Amino acid sequence: MDRNAAPKVHIVTLGCSKNTVDSEVLAGQLRAHHLDVAHTIEDADSLVINTCGFIDAAKEESINTILEAVELKRQGALRQVVVAGCLSERYGDELRIEIPEVDHYFGTEAYEGIIKAISPNLKYSLMGERIVSTPTGYAYLKISEGCDRPCSFCAIPLMRGKHRSVAADEVVRQAQTLVAQGARELVLVAQDLTYYGLDIHGKRTLADLLRRLSDESGADWIRCMYAFPSGFPLDVLDVISERSNIVSYLDMPLQHASDAVLKSMRRGITRERTEALLATIRDRIPDITLRSTFIIGYPNETEHDVDELLSFLDTVQLDRVGVFPYSQEDDTYAYILGDPIPDSVKQGRIERVMELQRSISESKNLAKIGSTVEVLIEEDVLHHDGAAVEWRGRSSADAPEVDNDVYVRSELPLQIGSIVHVQIDDAAEFDLFGTVATTKE
């Protein structure tokens, strides 16, 4: 390894889509400073690990990744290891003591410090470059950072700070750049989309931002993720309904349905109000796809509370559901409640919830047989005589990484990143199967 050569940097991204955006911005700024951004760790001599610290499993993955990197450095395969992101933001002092072999620790969005640490002789100036790492066809667009919500279980405000909206002009500029680079779909992300604009204008202005993105970005699909239910701005529904390039999809993490658990979680909502909100959303946008996530095994959760959640899911018939076991987080309001529910009990409750949701999902997917849906093609998955004959993609009702896949057969080759109309021929619990009808240029 030539110690005098310019560093070749590889970035490992752990955790959520917000971290993905941070890593892409860092990669763009490294390249703008004429540093080589390596696609694999084997091609790199410097490693940046963008960590996640949200739940225990994510922390463990981050720490294991750091330890593996330190071992590579010991073996001479790396000359420096830099750790950044949420875990480092929150536990930096402890990590410096426990894993001193790491060269530098930084928190979130510490682009300037990371660049200077990797190549001290470079003069830093803020640039707007970003290297998109997601598959061809879509990109994440982060519209705000941080969170002001008081949820008892969540450490995000400790790691990401208070809510801060990105100015609308800047969001639109980023959107236009991403579309110019090939993104057909923009996936809007934040810790809470619905707070957008409060810190700038003193009111929620997500609807106004969506109108501008619809009119000015050039995107075929615009998708909303991470919308908090309490205080949800209903004017957003009008925009989704009236704009054809804003997909009829909404991700709304509900976390639970038992009033007792919701109160302890400090969610500011009840089951009755949640059901009323979902009914309003479906009344205003009848074809909307609703996704949510739930925490199982919260300290005061009882079997009765789980029955309440199952009853709720059976009543509201959500289209997409993700479930996570409760993770006790230092310095959160819920920390004093302990973590009394055994992992085995949590997993049993999760399986009960997912068993019900699998049935709901299968029923909804079977109902789509014979219909035609738009699908964004992401990869070819089956070949015959050297030519692709089947592709995998997502419908407009499915967010990347977390929702259903659509497997598409076509006699003619399909372009990765294209949008095609697909007739659905068959369905499973979490997959659809169809034949291409027409393509959308």
Protein backbone atom coordinates (compact mmCIF):
# COMPACT_ATOMS: atom_id res chain seq x y z
CA MET A 1 0.00 0.00 0.00
CA ASP A 2 1.46 3.35 -1.10
CA ARG A 3 1.16 5.64 1.91
CA ASN A 4 1.92 8.70 -0.24
CA ALA A 5 -0.81 8.07 -2.81
CA ALA A 6 -4.13 9.91 -2.63
CA PRO A 7 -6.64 8.01 -0.47
CA LYS A 8 -9.15 5.66 -2.07
CA VAL A 9 -12.27 5.79 0.07
CA HIS A 10 -15.06 3.25 0.43
CA ILE A 11 -18.24 4.11 2.37
CA VAL A 12 -20.24 1.48 4.24
CA THR A 13 -23.80 2.64 4.93
CA LEU A 14 -25.83 1.04 7.71
CA GLY A 15 -29.39 1.78 8.74
CA CYS A 16 -32.13 3.80 7.11
CA SER A 17 -32.66 5.70 3.89
CA LYS A 18 -31.72 8.97 5.62
CA ASN A 19 -28.26 7.50 6.21
CA THR A 20 -28.15 6.51 2.54
CA VAL A 21 -28.62 10.15 1.56
CA ASP A 22 -25.89 11.26 3.98
CA SER A 23 -23.44 8.75 2.50
CA GLU A 24 -24.31 9.81 -1.04
CA VAL A 25 -23.65 13.46 -0.18
CA LEU A 26 -20.33 12.52 1.44
CA ALA A 27 -19.34 10.46 -1.61
CA GLY A 28 -20.16 13.38 -3.90
CA GLN A 29 -18.11 15.79 -1.85
CA LEU A 30 -15.16 13.38 -1.66
CA ARG A 31 -15.17 13.08 -5.44
CA ALA A 32 -15.55 16.85 -5.82
CA HIS A 33 -12.33 17.12 -3.83
CA HIS A 34 -10.65 14.77 -6.33
CA LEU A 35 -10.60 11.78 -4.02
CA ASP A 36 -11.27 8.33 -5.41
CA VAL A 37 -14.55 6.83 -4.13
CA ALA A 38 -14.08 3.06 -4.34
CA HIS A 39 -17.04 0.76 -5.03
CA THR A 40 -15.70 -2.05 -2.84
CA ILE A 41 -13.64 -2.27 0.31
CA GLU A 42 -11.08 -4.37 -1.59
CA ASP A 43 -10.37 -1.39 -3.85
CA ALA A 44 -10.02 1.06 -0.95
CA ASP A 45 -7.35 2.01 1.54
CA SER A 46 -9.59 4.23 3.66
CA LEU A 47 -12.99 3.24 5.04
CA VAL A 48 -15.86 5.42 6.29
CA ILE A 49 -18.55 3.56 8.24
CA ASN A 50 -21.83 5.49 8.41
CA THR A 51 -23.38 3.83 11.46
CA CYS A 52 -26.92 3.35 12.74
CA GLY A 53 -27.80 3.53 16.43
CA PHE A 54 -31.58 3.26 16.36
CA ILE A 55 -32.19 -0.15 17.96
CA ASP A 56 -30.06 -2.89 19.55
CA ALA A 57 -29.78 -4.96 16.36
CA ALA A 58 -28.58 -1.92 14.41
CA LYS A 59 -26.06 -1.02 17.10
CA GLU A 60 -24.70 -4.56 17.09
CA GLU A 61 -24.35 -4.53 13.31
CA SER A 62 -22.54 -1.19 13.46
CA ILE A 63 -20.12 -2.33 16.16
CA ASN A 64 -19.38 -5.62 14.37
CA THR A 65 -18.67 -3.69 11.17
CA ILE A 66 -16.27 -1.39 13.04
CA LEU A 67 -14.46 -4.36 14.57
CA GLU A 68 -14.12 -6.04 11.17
CA ALA A 69 -12.68 -2.83 9.73
CA VAL A 70 -10.21 -2.48 12.58
CA GLU A 71 -9.04 -6.04 11.93
CA LEU A 72 -8.49 -5.21 8.25
CA LYS A 73 -6.45 -2.21 9.33
CA ARG A 74 -4.39 -4.42 11.65
CA GLN A 75 -3.71 -6.75 8.73
CA GLY A 76 -2.56 -3.84 6.59
CA ALA A 77 -5.50 -3.93 4.17
CA LEU A 78 -6.64 -0.43 5.28
CA ARG A 79 -4.60 2.56 6.33
CA GLN A 80 -7.38 4.41 8.12
CA VAL A 81 -10.86 3.78 9.49
CA VAL A 82 -13.34 6.60 10.05
CA VAL A 83 -16.60 6.05 11.95
CA ALA A 84 -19.51 8.49 11.56
CA GLY A 85 -23.29 8.60 11.81
CA CYS A 86 -25.85 8.00 14.53
CA LEU A 87 -24.02 5.49 16.72
CA SER A 88 -20.92 7.66 16.74
CA GLU A 89 -22.99 10.79 17.40
CA ARG A 90 -24.52 9.24 20.49
CA TYR A 91 -21.78 7.01 21.85
CA GLY A 92 -18.63 8.63 20.49
CA ASP A 93 -16.89 9.01 23.88
CA GLU A 94 -17.52 5.37 24.79
CA LEU A 95 -16.45 4.13 21.37
CA ARG A 96 -13.16 6.06 21.53
CA ILE A 97 -12.36 4.21 24.76
CA GLU A 98 -13.59 0.77 23.69
CA ILE A 99 -12.27 0.78 20.11
CA PRO A 100 -9.29 3.19 20.06
CA GLU A 101 -7.93 1.64 16.85
CA VAL A 102 -10.41 3.74 14.85
CA ASP A 103 -8.62 6.82 13.48
CA HIS A 104 -11.49 9.27 13.72
CA TYR A 105 -15.01 9.40 15.13
CA PHE A 106 -17.61 11.87 13.83
CA GLY A 107 -21.33 12.39 14.32
CA THR A 108 -24.03 12.89 11.69
CA GLU A 109 -23.58 15.09 8.60
CA ALA A 110 -19.94 15.82 9.52
CA TYR A 111 -18.82 16.09 5.90
CA GLU A 112 -16.18 18.77 6.40
CA GLY A 113 -14.49 16.98 9.29
CA ILE A 114 -14.46 13.63 7.48
CA ILE A 115 -12.91 15.09 4.33
CA LYS A 116 -10.23 16.91 6.30
CA ALA A 117 -9.48 13.78 8.31
CA ILE A 118 -9.04 11.64 5.20
CA SER A 119 -6.97 14.17 3.30
CA PRO A 120 -5.75 16.98 5.60
CA ASN A 121 -4.15 19.02 2.80
CA LEU A 122 -7.41 19.58 0.96
CA LYS A 123 -9.12 22.93 1.38
CA TYR A 124 -12.78 22.36 2.09
CA SER A 125 -15.59 24.33 0.50
CA LEU A 126 -19.23 23.28 0.70
CA MET A 127 -20.47 21.74 -2.52
CA GLY A 128 -23.83 20.31 -3.49
CA GLU A 129 -22.53 17.18 -5.18
CA ARG A 130 -24.03 13.79 -4.44
CA ILE A 131 -23.35 10.33 -5.86
CA VAL A 132 -26.59 8.34 -5.95
CA SER A 133 -26.06 4.76 -4.78
CA THR A 134 -29.58 3.38 -5.13
CA PRO A 135 -30.54 1.19 -8.11
CA THR A 136 -31.25 2.95 -11.41
CA GLY A 137 -34.68 4.54 -11.45
CA TYR A 138 -35.18 5.98 -7.98
CA ALA A 139 -33.49 8.17 -5.42
CA TYR A 140 -34.18 9.31 -1.87
CA LEU A 141 -34.84 12.99 -1.28
CA LYS A 142 -34.41 14.13 2.31
CA ILE A 143 -36.57 17.18 3.02
CA SER A 144 -35.74 17.70 6.69
CA GLU A 145 -33.47 16.52 9.46
CA GLY A 146 -34.08 15.83 13.15
CA CYS A 147 -37.31 15.45 15.10
CA ASP A 148 -39.26 17.38 17.73
CA ARG A 149 -41.65 14.54 18.66
CA PRO A 150 -41.56 13.30 22.30
CA CYS A 151 -41.98 9.55 21.63
CA SER A 152 -40.89 7.69 24.75
CA PHE A 153 -39.02 4.89 22.98
CA CYS A 154 -37.10 6.91 20.41
CA ALA A 155 -33.52 8.18 20.58
CA ILE A 156 -33.53 9.93 17.20
CA PRO A 157 -33.72 13.46 18.69
CA LEU A 158 -30.62 12.58 20.75
CA MET A 159 -28.73 11.59 17.59
CA ARG A 160 -30.20 13.89 14.94
CA GLY A 161 -31.25 16.92 16.96
CA LYS A 162 -34.25 19.19 16.56
CA HIS A 163 -36.35 19.29 13.40
CA ARG A 164 -34.82 21.36 10.60
CA SER A 165 -36.54 21.76 7.23
CA VAL A 166 -34.53 22.05 4.02
CA ALA A 167 -35.58 25.22 2.17
CA ALA A 168 -38.11 24.48 -0.58
CA ASP A 169 -35.94 26.01 -3.32
CA GLU A 170 -33.09 23.70 -2.31
CA VAL A 171 -35.36 20.64 -2.19
CA VAL A 172 -36.60 21.43 -5.70
CA ARG A 173 -33.05 21.98 -6.95
CA GLN A 174 -31.95 18.63 -5.54
CA ALA A 175 -35.01 16.94 -7.04
CA GLN A 176 -34.29 18.36 -10.49
CA THR A 177 -30.67 17.21 -10.26
CA LEU A 178 -31.69 13.68 -9.28
CA VAL A 179 -34.18 13.47 -12.15
CA ALA A 180 -31.55 14.78 -14.58
CA GLN A 181 -29.29 11.96 -13.38
CA GLY A 182 -31.91 9.36 -14.23
CA ALA A 183 -34.27 9.08 -11.26
CA ARG A 184 -37.84 8.35 -12.38
CA GLU A 185 -39.03 8.14 -8.76
CA LEU A 186 -38.28 10.49 -5.86
CA VAL A 187 -38.85 8.98 -2.41
CA LEU A 188 -39.35 11.76 0.13
CA VAL A 189 -37.82 10.91 3.51
CA ALA A 190 -37.39 12.60 6.87
CA GLN A 191 -37.76 11.70 10.51
CA ASP A 192 -41.26 13.22 10.16
CA LEU A 193 -42.47 14.59 6.82
CA THR A 194 -45.49 16.28 8.38
CA TYR A 195 -43.41 18.79 10.38
CA TYR A 196 -41.99 20.19 7.16
CA GLY A 197 -42.05 24.00 7.15
CA LEU A 198 -42.91 24.56 10.81
CA ASP A 199 -39.45 25.86 11.69
CA ILE A 200 -39.28 28.13 8.62
CA HIS A 201 -42.84 29.37 8.17
CA GLY A 202 -44.47 28.64 11.52
CA LYS A 203 -46.90 26.25 9.84
CA ARG A 204 -46.84 22.90 8.06
CA THR A 205 -46.14 23.40 4.37
CA LEU A 206 -45.66 19.84 3.08
CA ALA A 207 -48.59 20.28 0.70
CA ASP A 208 -47.00 23.37 -0.86
CA LEU A 209 -43.69 21.53 -1.25
CA LEU A 210 -45.42 18.58 -2.92
CA ARG A 211 -47.10 20.90 -5.42
CA ARG A 212 -43.76 22.45 -6.34
CA LEU A 213 -42.09 19.05 -6.70
CA SER A 214 -44.98 17.83 -8.82
CA ASP A 215 -44.76 20.86 -11.11
CA GLU A 216 -41.00 21.43 -11.23
CA SER A 217 -39.05 18.22 -10.56
CA GLY A 218 -39.87 16.28 -13.71
CA ALA A 219 -40.28 13.04 -11.71
CA ASP A 220 -42.73 10.36 -12.84
CA TRP A 221 -43.39 9.19 -9.29
CA ILE A 222 -43.12 11.10 -6.01
CA ARG A 223 -43.61 9.01 -2.85
CA CYS A 224 -44.15 10.11 0.77
CA MET A 225 -42.51 8.13 3.58
CA TYR A 226 -42.54 8.63 7.37
CA ALA A 227 -45.63 10.73 8.02
CA PHE A 228 -46.57 11.06 11.71
CA PRO A 229 -50.31 10.43 12.40
CA SER A 230 -50.86 12.95 15.20
CA GLY A 231 -51.55 16.35 13.66
CA PHE A 232 -51.39 14.98 10.12
CA PRO A 233 -51.92 17.88 7.65
CA LEU A 234 -55.03 16.89 5.69
CA ASP A 235 -54.29 19.33 2.85
CA VAL A 236 -51.61 16.86 1.76
CA LEU A 237 -54.39 14.48 0.73
CA ASP A 238 -55.75 16.99 -1.79
CA VAL A 239 -52.35 17.25 -3.45
CA ILE A 240 -51.85 13.48 -3.63
CA SER A 241 -55.33 13.12 -5.08
CA GLU A 242 -55.01 15.82 -7.72
CA ARG A 243 -51.45 15.21 -8.95
CA SER A 244 -50.85 12.19 -11.18
CA ASN A 245 -47.11 12.04 -10.51
CA ILE A 246 -47.56 11.87 -6.72
CA VAL A 247 -48.29 8.20 -6.16
CA SER A 248 -51.31 7.21 -4.09
CA TYR A 249 -49.18 5.88 -1.28
CA LEU A 250 -48.52 6.94 2.28
CA ASP A 251 -46.20 5.52 4.91
CA MET A 252 -47.49 6.35 8.40
CA PRO A 253 -45.66 4.66 11.32
CA LEU A 254 -48.43 4.03 13.87
CA GLN A 255 -46.30 1.97 16.32
CA HIS A 256 -49.30 0.47 18.18
CA ALA A 257 -53.08 0.46 18.47
CA SER A 258 -53.70 -0.08 22.18
CA ASP A 259 -54.61 3.17 23.92
CA ALA A 260 -52.63 2.20 27.03
CA VAL A 261 -49.47 1.53 25.02
CA LEU A 262 -49.94 4.60 22.81
CA LYS A 263 -50.28 6.80 25.89
CA SER A 264 -47.12 5.42 27.45
CA MET A 265 -45.34 5.82 24.10
CA ARG A 266 -46.34 9.51 24.14
CA ARG A 267 -47.75 9.26 20.62
CA GLY A 268 -50.48 11.89 21.11
CA ILE A 269 -53.20 9.78 19.50
CA THR A 270 -55.69 7.01 20.29
CA ARG A 271 -56.93 3.98 18.38
CA GLU A 272 -60.26 5.70 17.71
CA ARG A 273 -58.59 8.81 16.30
CA THR A 274 -56.22 6.66 14.25
CA GLU A 275 -59.09 4.73 12.70
CA ALA A 276 -60.89 7.99 11.95
CA LEU A 277 -57.77 9.40 10.26
CA LEU A 278 -57.31 6.29 8.12
CA ALA A 279 -60.98 6.42 7.13
CA THR A 280 -60.58 10.06 6.10
CA ILE A 281 -57.50 9.26 4.04
CA ARG A 282 -59.26 6.43 2.22
CA ASP A 283 -62.38 8.51 1.69
CA ARG A 284 -60.32 11.28 0.06
CA ILE A 285 -58.02 8.89 -1.89
CA PRO A 286 -59.93 5.60 -2.39
CA ASP A 287 -57.07 3.82 -4.21
CA ILE A 288 -54.35 4.78 -1.72
CA THR A 289 -51.83 2.22 -0.46
CA LEU A 290 -51.22 2.56 3.29
CA ARG A 291 -48.07 1.30 4.94
CA SER A 292 -47.23 1.30 8.65
CA THR A 293 -44.78 -0.07 11.19
CA PHE A 294 -45.40 -1.32 14.72
CA ILE A 295 -43.30 -1.93 17.82
CA ILE A 296 -43.99 -5.19 19.66
CA GLY A 297 -42.94 -5.87 23.23
CA TYR A 298 -43.05 -2.33 24.62
CA PRO A 299 -42.48 -2.63 28.41
CA ASN A 300 -46.12 -2.22 29.49
CA GLU A 301 -47.58 -4.22 26.58
CA THR A 302 -49.86 -7.05 27.70
CA GLU A 303 -51.47 -9.91 25.81
CA HIS A 304 -54.64 -7.84 25.81
CA ASP A 305 -52.76 -4.99 24.10
CA VAL A 306 -51.55 -7.41 21.42
CA ASP A 307 -55.15 -8.56 20.92
CA GLU A 308 -56.08 -4.89 20.52
CA LEU A 309 -53.42 -4.49 17.82
CA LEU A 310 -54.61 -7.62 16.01
CA SER A 311 -58.20 -6.38 16.17
CA PHE A 312 -57.09 -3.03 14.78
CA LEU A 313 -55.18 -4.60 11.88
CA ASP A 314 -58.11 -6.86 11.06
CA THR A 315 -60.41 -3.82 11.04
CA VAL A 316 -58.33 -1.34 9.04
CA GLN A 317 -56.72 -3.84 6.62
CA LEU A 318 -53.46 -1.96 6.02
CA ASP A 319 -51.76 -2.76 2.72
CA ARG A 320 -48.19 -2.97 4.04
CA VAL A 321 -46.96 -3.64 7.58
CA GLY A 322 -43.53 -3.89 9.18
CA VAL A 323 -43.01 -5.09 12.76
CA PHE A 324 -40.03 -4.60 15.09
CA PRO A 325 -39.28 -5.82 18.62
CA TYR A 326 -38.97 -3.13 21.28
CA SER A 327 -35.41 -2.05 22.00
CA GLN A 328 -34.61 -0.28 25.27
CA GLU A 329 -32.71 2.93 24.51
CA ASP A 330 -30.55 4.91 26.94
CA ASP A 331 -31.80 8.36 27.98
CA THR A 332 -35.28 7.92 26.48
CA TYR A 333 -38.45 8.44 28.52
CA ALA A 334 -39.24 4.72 28.38
CA TYR A 335 -35.82 3.63 29.64
CA ILE A 336 -36.96 3.62 33.27
CA LEU A 337 -39.64 1.06 32.37
CA GLY A 338 -36.93 -1.49 31.71
CA ASP A 339 -37.25 -4.26 29.13
CA PRO A 340 -39.23 -6.90 31.04
CA ILE A 341 -40.72 -8.85 28.12
CA PRO A 342 -38.48 -11.78 27.07
CA ASP A 343 -37.27 -11.90 23.47
CA SER A 344 -39.07 -15.21 22.96
CA VAL A 345 -42.37 -13.60 23.93
CA LYS A 346 -41.72 -10.63 21.65
CA GLN A 347 -40.99 -12.96 18.73
CA GLY A 348 -44.13 -14.97 19.41
CA ARG A 349 -46.23 -11.80 19.36
CA ILE A 350 -44.51 -10.61 16.18
CA GLU A 351 -45.35 -13.90 14.47
CA ARG A 352 -49.01 -13.56 15.46
CA VAL A 353 -49.14 -10.07 13.94
CA MET A 354 -47.33 -11.08 10.77
CA GLU A 355 -49.46 -14.19 10.33
CA LEU A 356 -52.51 -11.96 10.19
CA GLN A 357 -50.81 -9.46 7.89
CA ARG A 358 -49.65 -12.20 5.52
CA SER A 359 -53.27 -13.22 5.12
CA ILE A 360 -54.35 -9.62 4.51
CA SER A 361 -51.54 -9.03 2.02
CA GLU A 362 -52.27 -12.25 0.13
CA SER A 363 -55.95 -11.35 -0.15
CA LYS A 364 -55.16 -7.87 -1.44
CA ASN A 365 -52.62 -9.22 -3.95
CA LEU A 366 -54.98 -11.90 -5.26
CA ALA A 367 -57.56 -9.18 -5.88
CA LYS A 368 -55.10 -7.53 -8.31
CA ILE A 369 -55.03 -10.50 -10.70
CA GLY A 370 -56.34 -9.32 -14.08
CA SER A 371 -55.55 -5.66 -13.38
CA THR A 372 -52.86 -3.58 -15.05
CA VAL A 373 -50.32 -1.68 -12.92
CA GLU A 374 -47.33 0.57 -13.55
CA VAL A 375 -44.01 -1.06 -12.65
CA LEU A 376 -40.56 0.49 -12.33
CA ILE A 377 -38.05 -2.11 -13.62
CA GLU A 378 -35.05 -2.58 -11.29
CA GLU A 379 -33.17 -5.70 -12.44
CA ASP A 380 -33.28 -8.71 -14.76
CA VAL A 381 -33.64 -11.96 -12.83
CA LEU A 382 -34.10 -14.77 -15.38
CA HIS A 383 -32.33 -15.50 -18.65
CA HIS A 384 -32.93 -17.94 -21.51
CA ASP A 385 -30.37 -18.58 -24.26
CA GLY A 386 -28.35 -15.64 -22.95
CA ALA A 387 -31.22 -13.15 -23.08
CA ALA A 388 -33.27 -11.78 -20.21
CA VAL A 389 -36.87 -12.98 -20.16
CA GLU A 390 -37.95 -11.93 -16.66
CA TRP A 391 -37.38 -8.76 -14.67
CA ARG A 392 -38.03 -7.66 -11.09
CA GLY A 393 -39.56 -4.31 -10.31
CA ARG A 394 -41.98 -2.42 -8.07
CA SER A 395 -45.44 -1.11 -8.68
CA SER A 396 -46.36 2.44 -7.76
CA ALA A 397 -47.98 0.89 -4.66
CA ASP A 398 -44.63 -0.38 -3.39
CA ALA A 399 -41.77 1.56 -1.81
CA PRO A 400 -38.18 0.42 -2.41
CA GLU A 401 -36.54 -2.05 -0.04
CA VAL A 402 -39.57 -2.61 2.20
CA ASP A 403 -42.58 -3.56 0.05
CA ASN A 404 -43.71 -6.07 -2.56
CA ASP A 405 -41.84 -7.05 -5.70
CA VAL A 406 -43.40 -7.52 -9.13
CA TYR A 407 -41.89 -10.16 -11.44
CA VAL A 408 -42.43 -9.24 -15.08
CA ARG A 409 -42.17 -11.43 -18.19
CA SER A 410 -41.62 -9.83 -21.57
CA GLU A 411 -40.84 -11.07 -25.07
CA LEU A 412 -38.97 -7.83 -25.75
CA PRO A 413 -36.02 -6.60 -23.64
CA LEU A 414 -36.84 -4.11 -20.90
CA GLN A 415 -34.60 -1.25 -19.81
CA ILE A 416 -33.56 -1.02 -16.16
CA GLY A 417 -35.13 2.14 -14.77
CA SER A 418 -38.01 2.17 -17.25
CA ILE A 419 -41.66 2.22 -16.27
CA VAL A 420 -43.89 -0.38 -17.91
CA HIS A 421 -47.55 -1.32 -17.72
CA VAL A 422 -47.92 -4.88 -16.49
CA GLN A 423 -50.96 -7.14 -16.49
CA ILE A 424 -51.01 -9.13 -13.26
CA ASP A 425 -51.40 -12.88 -13.90
CA ASP A 426 -50.71 -14.34 -10.46
CA ALA A 427 -50.00 -13.32 -6.88
CA ALA A 428 -48.47 -14.51 -3.61
CA GLU A 429 -48.37 -13.06 -0.10
CA PHE A 430 -45.77 -10.42 -0.89
CA ASP A 431 -45.16 -10.76 -4.65
CA LEU A 432 -47.00 -10.14 -7.90
CA PHE A 433 -46.37 -11.83 -11.26
CA GLY A 434 -47.32 -10.43 -14.64
CA THR A 435 -46.70 -9.85 -18.31
CA VAL A 436 -45.63 -6.54 -19.82
CA ALA A 437 -48.35 -4.72 -21.72
CA THR A 438 -46.84 -1.36 -22.72
CA THR A 439 -43.87 0.77 -21.77
CA LYS A 440 -43.87 4.35 -20.54
CA GLU A 441 -41.12 6.49 -22.07
